[in-house]
Amino acid sequence: MLIPTFLKSVFWRAVLAAGFVPVCIAASGGSIDDYLGRWALTIPGGGAGWLEVHRENGWYDGSILWGGGSVVPVSSVFFQDNAMYVTRTREVKRKDNSGKVVRTQQFTEIIYAKLDGDVLSCKHSNPREDGTAMVRATFTGKRIPPLPPAPDLSKVKFGEPVALFNGKDLTGWRLVEPNAANGWRVENGVLINRPEQEPGKPHKQYGNLRTEREFEDFNLTLEVKVPPRGNSGIYLRGIYEVQVSDSYGRPLDSHNMGAIYSRITPTVAAEKPAGEWQTFDITLVDRHVTVILNGKKIIDNQPLLGCTGGALWSDEFRPGPIYLQGDHEAVDYRNIVLRPVVAKQ
C-alpha cells in the first residue's frame, strides 16, 4: 500500500496521537521483497525479540515478539518511499482515585529501521503512558536464514550421556541474573525451586537457573513436577522454551505443558495432574524439535521459526545452555541428562 506524499503528515499525527506502535522503516533502494521474512532482534537493553513480515491474500501482515511474553500479531504492515512500516497497538486503562476504569486509550511505539544487506539498524521511540515524554533507544535486527528440511532423526548420532545435575548440589549451574534472589537448592536428590515471598515486604525477584556448559543440537531427558497452577520452563540452548505448567484438563494450547511457548501447540494432551512426576524426552536438531511427554509424542520434528519469550538472545545459531525458569512458581526437577549430537548424515 503506497501513501501519497500529502498524507504523510496526517499519518504521523495519527500515529503519535494513538500512542503505542512498533514501526520498521527500511532504507531507500530496497524492494518490498527485501523486507519479507523473519528477523532476529536484539532489542533495547540487549533482550531477544523477533519479527516476521509476510504477504497474505493481497496485503502485508506480520507478528512480533518483544522480550518476554508471547508472539503477537501486529496491527498493519505497509510500504512507502522504499520504507516499511509495521504497526501494533495496545490498550491502556485509565483509572480514577477509587481504581475504577474511566477510559481506555490506545498507545503506540515506533521503531525506525534502515536496512543494510541482512541487517536492520533500528531506532525505537516509546511514549510514556503518562504522556510526559517519548523514550528513545536503538537496537538491531538480523535476517534469519531459511529453515532447512526436517532432519531424518534415524540418521542422527548422539554422543555419550552427560548428567547435567549430580543430585547433590548446584555444581555446573548458576543463576542467569546474578543479582536476583536464588530460590534453587537440592533436597533428597531433587533440584527444587521455591520462590517464596515474605508477607508485607516488597516483591522479591527470583532468578532463572542455567548450565555453565553450552550446547548445540542434542537430546535431553528429565523429570519434572509442578504444583497446582505451577509454571516454569525448559529453555533449549537458552532460546526455545518448552513450557512447564499445570495445564492438566485444559484444551490444547501453545501455552500448555510441553508446548514450544506461544509457537507450537502439542498435538495431544499428555500431561499428568499437578504434583505427579512427569517425563520429558526432547530432541533439537537443525532448528527442528521433537517433544515426548510422559511417553507420548506431542511435537513431531516441527520447525522452530524463532526464539521464544525470555530467550537469552535471538541468535539461533550460537551454542547455548539449558536454562530452567525459576522466577514464577515452585517446581522440582531430577534426572537431567543430555546427549549431544555428534554426527548427522
Foldseek 3Di string as FASTA:
>chain_A
DEDDPVCVVVVVVVQVQQALWEWEWEAAPDDPVQPAAKKWKLDPPRATKIKHWDDDPHFIWIWMGDAFDAIGTWDGWDDYNNIITTTHWDKDFDADPVRDGDDIGIRGKYWYWYDDRQKTWIKIWHADPVRPDIDIDIIMIGGDDDFDPQADVVQFDWADKDFCAPLAFNPQKDFPDNPAAEQWTHDRSKTKGALDDDPPDDRGFHTKMWGPDWAAWWKKKWKKAAAAQGWKWKDALQFWTQTDGQQPPHPWDCNDHRHRRNPGTFPDDDDDGHPDIKMWIWGDDRQFIWIAIRNRTRGDRHHHRWGHHRGSGTDNGDTGITMMGRRTHMMMMHRIMIIGTDDGD
